[in-house]
């Protein structure tokens, strides 16, 4: 309500008291008039007091009853009017509340639209920021200086690990994976390549992956591989993989479409289901499962086959070809390998004379230090 403006809403309690007072006054006035008029009328015609008492008191009583009835009737009419007015006021209040709620809903909708607009502006700002970072990182990565390359990898790592704009993760992964592919032979000498390897591993944990397919060839037989994750596919040829590689070969084998050819692998936990091996030398490795194809195409020296499942596609009576592939390999006596023969009809678990190419040992050798 503005200052100086009086409320026009009726005060029901005040109106009720005023109405009742007026009715009482009118009824009393009506009774007095009727009573006095009756007395005057009676004496005017020469009636005695006794006659008045008998005949006119009843008339006066009737007039009073009529006055009371009129008052009651008027009160009922007034209460109906007040009830109707009260209902109308309550309806107006409800309508006012509904209008207020509608205005509040409109305000909430407007606030929601403003928040959504702000979010889109932030997303657009973040997108522009990460696109700029991607461009800047690419530029620095293509520079000749080591410091620029380190800065470029750090910027691209920010793009990969940033949670605000995930759509640029894979392109950033592809950029640094391509740089690794071009310079992998110097991985042990160039510090920024170690940063690339760590960034690729972090990207894999976040569900990102490059689209680079890489073929890595060792420059010499003694070249020690630095294994890396994050490629669409990768193949290693020649060289050595040792227990010191991080990530270890047991981790790198979980990469999609990974293969090894003519690689010497030391002290590894090998799962031949995940990777492809050909003409490889396994030295002091552990196997939990190996297929006949893996035996035919690779060589094994001082390897542990305790509890290993040998999977063949037919039963062999002559295992001399297996013996030629195994040298000083063994199993722990308490954990004998199993032979599984897969045929078109069934899978058969059977026994085998392991002594033809494996030796049984009482305990695990101390020199077998495998992650």
Protein backbone atom coordinates (compact mmCIF):
# COMPACT_ATOMS: atom_id res chain seq x y z
CA UNK A 1 0.00 0.00 0.00
CA UNK A 2 1.36 3.40 -0.89
CA UNK A 3 1.60 6.15 1.72
CA UNK A 4 -1.51 8.28 1.97
CA UNK A 5 -3.80 5.61 0.53
CA UNK A 6 -6.51 4.17 2.79
CA UNK A 7 -7.51 0.52 2.61
CA UNK A 8 -10.92 0.03 0.98
CA UNK A 9 -11.42 -3.50 2.31
CA UNK A 10 -14.44 -3.76 4.70
CA UNK A 11 -13.89 -4.49 8.36
CA UNK A 12 -16.32 -7.31 9.03
CA UNK A 13 -16.13 -7.10 12.83
CA UNK A 14 -16.80 -3.34 12.88
CA UNK A 15 -19.64 -3.64 10.35
CA UNK A 16 -21.25 -6.42 12.40
CA UNK A 17 -21.26 -4.35 15.60
CA UNK A 18 -22.66 -1.33 13.77
CA UNK A 19 -25.36 -3.42 12.10
CA UNK A 20 -26.39 -5.10 15.37
CA UNK A 21 -26.55 -1.71 17.15
CA UNK A 22 -28.72 -0.23 14.42
CA UNK A 23 -31.07 -3.21 14.48
CA UNK A 24 -31.37 -3.05 18.26
CA UNK A 25 -32.07 0.66 18.17
CA UNK A 26 -34.66 0.29 15.40
CA UNK A 27 -36.35 -2.62 17.21
CA UNK A 28 -36.48 -0.67 20.49
CA UNK A 29 -37.78 2.40 18.72
CA UNK A 30 -40.36 0.29 16.90
CA UNK A 31 -41.50 -1.27 20.22
CA UNK A 32 -41.75 2.13 21.92
CA UNK A 33 -43.73 3.61 19.07
CA UNK A 34 -46.06 0.61 18.91
CA UNK A 35 -46.55 0.62 22.72
CA UNK A 36 -47.18 4.32 23.02
CA UNK A 37 -49.46 4.26 19.98
CA UNK A 38 -51.48 1.41 21.44
CA UNK A 39 -51.90 3.20 24.77
CA UNK A 40 -52.97 6.41 23.09
CA UNK A 41 -55.26 4.53 20.79
CA UNK A 42 -56.82 2.65 23.69
CA UNK A 43 -57.41 5.64 25.96
CA UNK A 44 -58.51 7.70 23.03
CA UNK A 45 -61.52 5.41 22.65
CA UNK A 46 -62.29 5.57 26.42
CA UNK A 47 -61.06 2.11 27.29
CA UNK A 48 -60.34 1.33 30.90
CA UNK A 49 -56.97 0.16 32.28
CA UNK A 50 -58.46 -3.21 32.91
CA UNK A 51 -59.59 -3.44 29.30
CA UNK A 52 -56.16 -2.33 28.17
CA UNK A 53 -54.53 -4.95 30.32
CA UNK A 54 -56.64 -7.68 28.94
CA UNK A 55 -57.08 -6.75 25.33
CA UNK A 56 -54.17 -4.56 24.33
CA UNK A 57 -51.31 -6.25 26.14
CA UNK A 58 -51.79 -9.21 23.81
CA UNK A 59 -51.80 -6.85 20.83
CA UNK A 60 -48.69 -5.15 22.12
CA UNK A 61 -47.04 -8.53 22.60
CA UNK A 62 -47.87 -9.45 19.01
CA UNK A 63 -46.35 -6.19 17.77
CA UNK A 64 -43.21 -6.87 19.79
CA UNK A 65 -42.98 -10.40 18.38
CA UNK A 66 -43.35 -8.96 14.90
CA UNK A 67 -40.56 -6.47 15.66
CA UNK A 68 -38.31 -9.30 16.96
CA UNK A 69 -39.09 -11.41 13.89
CA UNK A 70 -38.26 -8.54 11.58
CA UNK A 71 -35.01 -8.01 13.46
CA UNK A 72 -34.12 -11.71 13.21
CA UNK A 73 -34.98 -11.74 9.50
CA UNK A 74 -32.85 -8.69 8.87
CA UNK A 75 -29.99 -10.27 10.86
CA UNK A 76 -30.17 -13.44 8.76
CA UNK A 77 -30.11 -11.40 5.59
CA UNK A 78 -27.15 -9.41 6.89
CA UNK A 79 -25.20 -12.52 7.89
CA UNK A 80 -25.79 -13.97 4.42
CA UNK A 81 -24.47 -10.77 2.90
CA UNK A 82 -21.46 -10.86 5.19
CA UNK A 83 -20.76 -14.54 4.40
CA UNK A 84 -20.98 -13.83 0.69
CA UNK A 85 -18.67 -10.88 1.11
CA UNK A 86 -16.23 -12.96 3.17
CA UNK A 87 -16.19 -15.73 0.54
CA UNK A 88 -15.60 -13.11 -2.13
CA UNK A 89 -12.71 -11.64 -0.14
CA UNK A 90 -11.20 -15.11 0.42
CA UNK A 91 -11.54 -15.85 -3.30
CA UNK A 92 -9.74 -12.60 -4.07
CA UNK A 93 -6.99 -13.56 -1.61
CA UNK A 94 -6.63 -17.00 -3.24
CA UNK A 95 -6.50 -15.39 -6.67
CA UNK A 96 -3.85 -13.02 -5.38
CA UNK A 97 -1.80 -15.91 -4.01
CA UNK A 98 -2.16 -17.77 -7.31
CA UNK A 99 -0.98 -14.71 -9.18
CA UNK A 100 1.97 -14.38 -6.81
CA UNK A 101 2.89 -18.04 -7.37
CA UNK A 102 2.64 -17.54 -11.12
CA UNK A 103 4.96 -14.56 -10.89
CA UNK A 104 7.38 -16.57 -8.73
CA UNK A 105 7.30 -19.42 -11.26
CA UNK A 106 8.03 -16.97 -14.06
CA UNK A 107 10.92 -15.58 -12.02
CA UNK A 108 12.28 -19.11 -11.45
CA UNK A 109 11.99 -19.84 -15.17
CA UNK A 110 13.82 -16.63 -15.95
CA UNK A 111 16.55 -17.50 -13.43
CA UNK A 112 16.84 -20.98 -14.95
CA UNK A 113 17.19 -19.47 -18.40
CA UNK A 114 19.83 -17.08 -17.10
CA UNK A 115 21.76 -19.99 -15.48
CA UNK A 116 21.55 -22.01 -18.71
CA UNK A 117 22.73 -19.03 -20.72
CA UNK A 118 25.59 -18.53 -18.27
CA UNK A 119 26.48 -22.23 -18.52
CA UNK A 120 26.54 -22.04 -22.31
CA UNK A 121 28.70 -18.96 -22.12
CA UNK A 122 31.08 -20.76 -19.73
CA UNK A 123 31.13 -23.84 -21.98
CA UNK A 124 31.83 -21.64 -24.97
CA UNK A 125 34.55 -19.86 -23.05
CA UNK A 126 36.06 -23.17 -21.91
CA UNK A 127 35.85 -24.58 -25.42
CA UNK A 128 37.67 -21.56 -26.78
CA UNK A 129 40.23 -21.82 -23.99
CA UNK A 130 40.92 -25.51 -24.61
CA UNK A 131 41.03 -25.02 -28.37
CA UNK A 132 43.61 -22.30 -27.80
CA UNK A 133 45.53 -24.64 -25.49
CA UNK A 134 45.43 -27.39 -28.09
CA UNK A 135 46.77 -25.05 -30.76
CA UNK A 136 49.46 -23.66 -28.45
CA UNK A 137 50.52 -27.14 -27.31
CA UNK A 138 50.73 -28.34 -30.91
CA UNK A 139 52.87 -25.36 -31.84
CA UNK A 140 55.27 -25.91 -28.96
CA UNK A 141 55.44 -29.66 -29.57
CA UNK A 142 56.54 -29.03 -33.16
CA UNK A 143 59.34 -26.71 -32.03
CA UNK A 144 62.94 -27.88 -32.02
CA UNK A 145 63.94 -26.92 -28.49
CA UNK A 146 63.54 -29.39 -25.61
CA UNK A 147 62.03 -26.76 -23.34
CA UNK A 148 59.37 -25.87 -25.88
CA UNK A 149 58.48 -29.54 -26.31
CA UNK A 150 58.20 -30.01 -22.55
CA UNK A 151 55.92 -26.97 -22.36
CA UNK A 152 53.87 -28.30 -25.29
CA UNK A 153 53.39 -31.70 -23.60
CA UNK A 154 52.41 -30.00 -20.33
CA UNK A 155 49.78 -27.91 -22.14
CA UNK A 156 48.38 -30.91 -24.03
CA UNK A 157 48.30 -32.88 -20.78
CA UNK A 158 46.12 -30.09 -19.36
CA UNK A 159 43.76 -30.57 -22.29
CA UNK A 160 43.69 -34.35 -21.72
CA UNK A 161 43.15 -34.19 -17.98
CA UNK A 162 40.86 -31.16 -17.94
CA UNK A 163 37.30 -32.07 -16.97
CA UNK A 164 35.66 -29.02 -18.55
CA UNK A 165 35.88 -29.95 -22.22
CA UNK A 166 36.36 -33.66 -22.76
CA UNK A 167 35.80 -33.64 -26.52
CA UNK A 168 39.40 -32.52 -27.13
CA UNK A 169 40.99 -35.36 -25.15
CA UNK A 170 41.34 -37.78 -28.05
CA UNK A 171 42.84 -35.17 -30.43
CA UNK A 172 45.37 -34.22 -27.73
CA UNK A 173 46.13 -37.92 -27.17
CA UNK A 174 46.67 -38.34 -30.92
CA UNK A 175 49.11 -35.42 -31.04
CA UNK A 176 51.37 -36.69 -28.27
CA UNK A 177 51.09 -40.33 -29.43
CA UNK A 178 52.24 -39.22 -32.88
CA UNK A 179 55.22 -37.47 -31.27
CA UNK A 180 56.08 -40.66 -29.37
CA UNK A 181 55.82 -42.73 -32.53
CA UNK A 182 58.32 -40.46 -34.29
CA UNK A 183 60.86 -40.42 -31.46
CA UNK A 184 60.37 -43.68 -29.51
CA UNK A 185 63.98 -44.77 -30.10
CA UNK A 186 65.13 -41.86 -27.92
CA UNK A 187 62.62 -42.51 -25.13
CA UNK A 188 65.39 -43.21 -22.60
CA UNK A 189 67.21 -39.96 -23.41
CA UNK A 190 64.53 -37.33 -23.98
CA UNK A 191 62.76 -36.17 -20.79
CA UNK A 192 59.70 -34.86 -22.62
CA UNK A 193 58.96 -38.37 -23.94
CA UNK A 194 58.58 -39.60 -20.38
CA UNK A 195 56.04 -36.81 -19.88
CA UNK A 196 54.24 -38.03 -23.00
CA UNK A 197 54.12 -41.59 -21.65
CA UNK A 198 52.66 -40.37 -18.34
CA UNK A 199 50.11 -38.16 -20.11
CA UNK A 200 49.00 -41.07 -22.31
CA UNK A 201 48.57 -43.28 -19.23
CA UNK A 202 46.48 -40.60 -17.52
CA UNK A 203 44.37 -40.23 -20.65
CA UNK A 204 43.69 -43.99 -20.71
CA UNK A 205 42.45 -43.81 -17.12
CA UNK A 206 40.01 -41.08 -18.21
CA UNK A 207 38.74 -43.15 -21.14
CA UNK A 208 40.63 -41.32 -23.90
CA UNK A 209 42.72 -42.93 -26.65
CA UNK A 210 44.63 -41.79 -29.71
CA UNK A 211 43.83 -43.00 -33.21
CA UNK A 212 47.50 -43.77 -33.98
CA UNK A 213 48.50 -47.26 -35.12
CA UNK A 214 52.20 -47.72 -34.49
CA UNK A 215 54.79 -50.25 -35.61
CA UNK A 216 57.85 -50.07 -33.37
CA UNK A 217 61.08 -51.71 -34.56
CA UNK A 218 64.12 -52.05 -32.35
CA UNK A 219 67.30 -50.47 -33.77
CA UNK A 220 69.33 -53.40 -32.37
CA UNK A 221 68.85 -56.70 -30.52
CA UNK A 222 69.72 -55.17 -27.14
CA UNK A 223 67.35 -52.23 -27.45
CA UNK A 224 65.24 -52.08 -24.30
CA UNK A 225 61.66 -51.08 -24.93
CA UNK A 226 59.88 -48.35 -23.03
CA UNK A 227 56.28 -49.55 -23.19
CA UNK A 228 53.47 -47.06 -23.56
CA UNK A 229 49.67 -47.07 -23.53
CA UNK A 230 47.13 -45.11 -25.53
CA UNK A 231 47.55 -46.30 -29.13
CA UNK A 232 44.81 -47.67 -31.36
CA UNK A 233 47.15 -50.57 -32.11
CA UNK A 234 50.85 -51.23 -31.69
CA UNK A 235 53.38 -53.81 -32.73
CA UNK A 236 56.85 -54.39 -31.26
CA UNK A 237 59.59 -56.07 -33.26
CA UNK A 238 62.97 -57.09 -31.82
CA UNK A 239 64.56 -55.74 -28.69
CA UNK A 240 64.11 -56.63 -25.03
CA UNK A 241 61.34 -56.21 -22.47
CA UNK A 242 62.41 -56.56 -18.85
CA UNK A 243 60.82 -56.47 -15.44
CA UNK A 244 61.92 -52.85 -15.11
CA UNK A 245 59.62 -51.59 -17.86
CA UNK A 246 56.81 -49.35 -16.62
CA UNK A 247 54.07 -49.95 -17.43
CA UNK A 248 54.93 -53.61 -17.19
CA UNK A 249 54.14 -55.99 -20.03
CA UNK A 250 51.28 -57.44 -17.96
CA UNK A 251 49.62 -54.00 -18.18
CA UNK A 252 50.51 -53.22 -21.77
CA UNK A 253 48.98 -56.52 -22.92
CA UNK A 254 45.57 -55.11 -22.06
CA UNK A 255 45.96 -52.63 -24.90
CA UNK A 256 43.86 -53.36 -28.02
CA UNK A 257 45.51 -55.06 -30.99
CA UNK A 258 48.98 -55.43 -29.55
CA UNK A 259 51.57 -57.85 -30.88
CA UNK A 260 55.20 -58.83 -30.28
CA UNK A 261 57.59 -60.39 -32.77
CA UNK A 262 61.12 -61.62 -32.10
CA UNK A 263 61.18 -59.92 -28.71
CA UNK A 264 63.04 -61.24 -25.65
CA UNK A 265 60.74 -60.94 -22.66
CA UNK A 266 62.15 -61.27 -19.13
CA UNK A 267 60.33 -61.82 -15.85
CA UNK A 268 56.79 -61.15 -17.06
CA UNK A 269 53.36 -62.37 -16.13
CA UNK A 270 52.10 -63.41 -19.53
CA UNK A 271 48.49 -63.68 -20.69
CA UNK A 272 48.53 -64.93 -24.25
CA UNK A 273 44.78 -64.35 -24.61
CA UNK A 274 45.28 -60.59 -24.75
CA UNK A 275 48.29 -60.25 -27.06
CA UNK A 276 49.87 -61.97 -30.04
CA UNK A 277 53.39 -63.36 -29.81
CA UNK A 278 55.54 -64.81 -32.57
CA UNK A 279 59.21 -65.87 -32.53
CA UNK A 280 59.52 -64.43 -29.04
CA UNK A 281 61.81 -65.68 -26.27
CA UNK A 282 60.25 -65.85 -22.84
CA UNK A 283 62.85 -65.98 -20.09
CA UNK A 284 61.86 -66.49 -16.44
CA UNK A 285 58.24 -65.66 -17.12
CA UNK A 286 55.04 -66.99 -15.56
CA UNK A 287 52.14 -68.37 -17.55
CA UNK A 288 48.57 -69.03 -16.41
CA UNK A 289 47.31 -70.10 -19.83
CA UNK A 290 49.02 -70.99 -23.08
CA UNK A 291 47.71 -72.32 -26.40
CA UNK A 292 49.34 -74.70 -28.80
CA UNK A 293 49.78 -71.88 -31.31
CA UNK A 294 51.81 -69.93 -28.76
CA UNK A 295 54.00 -72.95 -28.14
CA UNK A 296 54.59 -73.53 -31.85
CA UNK A 297 55.64 -69.95 -32.55
CA UNK A 298 57.74 -69.05 -29.47
CA UNK A 299 60.49 -70.28 -27.16
CA UNK A 300 60.54 -70.65 -23.38
CA UNK A 301 63.49 -70.73 -20.99
CA UNK A 302 63.38 -71.07 -17.18
CA UNK A 303 59.64 -70.28 -17.20
CA UNK A 304 57.13 -71.20 -14.51
CA UNK A 305 54.01 -73.09 -15.68
CA UNK A 306 52.61 -73.85 -12.23
CA UNK A 307 48.82 -74.21 -12.49
CA UNK A 308 48.95 -73.22 -16.17
CA UNK A 309 46.20 -74.35 -18.54
CA UNK A 310 47.68 -75.88 -21.70
CA UNK A 311 45.03 -75.57 -24.40
CA UNK A 312 45.35 -77.96 -27.35
CA UNK A 313 42.99 -78.59 -30.24
CA UNK A 314 43.81 -82.30 -30.33
CA UNK A 315 45.53 -84.87 -28.17
CA UNK A 316 49.21 -85.35 -28.99
CA UNK A 317 50.97 -88.64 -28.39
CA UNK A 318 54.31 -87.24 -29.48
CA UNK A 319 55.35 -84.16 -27.50
CA UNK A 320 58.90 -83.96 -28.81
CA UNK A 321 58.04 -80.80 -30.76
CA UNK A 322 57.03 -79.22 -27.45
CA UNK A 323 60.25 -80.32 -25.78
CA UNK A 324 62.21 -78.48 -28.46
CA UNK A 325 60.48 -75.25 -27.43
CA UNK A 326 61.07 -75.57 -23.68
CA UNK A 327 64.37 -75.27 -21.87
CA UNK A 328 64.63 -75.67 -18.10
CA UNK A 329 60.94 -74.89 -17.66
CA UNK A 330 59.11 -76.24 -14.63
CA UNK A 331 56.09 -76.23 -12.35
CA UNK A 332 55.77 -76.32 -8.57
CA UNK A 333 54.93 -79.82 -7.47
CA UNK A 334 51.87 -78.72 -5.46
CA UNK A 335 50.44 -76.81 -8.44
CA UNK A 336 50.42 -79.14 -11.43
CA UNK A 337 49.41 -77.76 -14.88
CA UNK A 338 46.20 -78.84 -16.60
CA UNK A 339 45.61 -80.00 -20.13
CA UNK A 340 42.46 -78.81 -21.92
CA UNK A 341 41.64 -80.36 -25.29
CA UNK A 342 39.22 -78.32 -27.36
CA UNK A 343 37.32 -80.19 -30.05
CA UNK A 344 34.27 -79.34 -32.13
CA UNK A 345 32.12 -81.49 -29.86
CA UNK A 346 33.34 -80.86 -26.32
CA UNK A 347 36.01 -79.57 -24.01
CA UNK A 348 38.03 -82.30 -22.34
CA UNK A 349 40.07 -81.88 -19.21
CA UNK A 350 42.68 -84.59 -19.13
CA UNK A 351 46.10 -85.50 -17.77
CA UNK A 352 49.47 -85.48 -19.45
CA UNK A 353 53.02 -86.65 -18.86
CA UNK A 354 54.51 -83.27 -18.06
CA UNK A 355 57.94 -84.67 -17.39
CA UNK A 356 58.62 -84.82 -21.14
CA UNK A 357 59.17 -81.04 -21.23
CA UNK A 358 58.66 -79.72 -17.67
CA UNK A 359 60.39 -80.51 -14.43
CA UNK A 360 58.69 -80.59 -11.04
CA UNK A 361 60.18 -78.49 -8.27
CA UNK A 362 59.51 -78.50 -4.58
CA UNK A 363 59.30 -74.72 -4.10
CA UNK A 364 59.42 -71.46 -5.95
CA UNK A 365 62.96 -70.32 -6.84
CA UNK A 366 64.15 -67.18 -5.14
CA UNK A 367 65.52 -65.80 -8.39
CA UNK A 368 62.00 -65.62 -9.89
CA UNK A 369 61.17 -62.01 -9.03
CA UNK A 370 58.13 -61.30 -11.17
CA UNK A 371 55.72 -58.38 -10.70
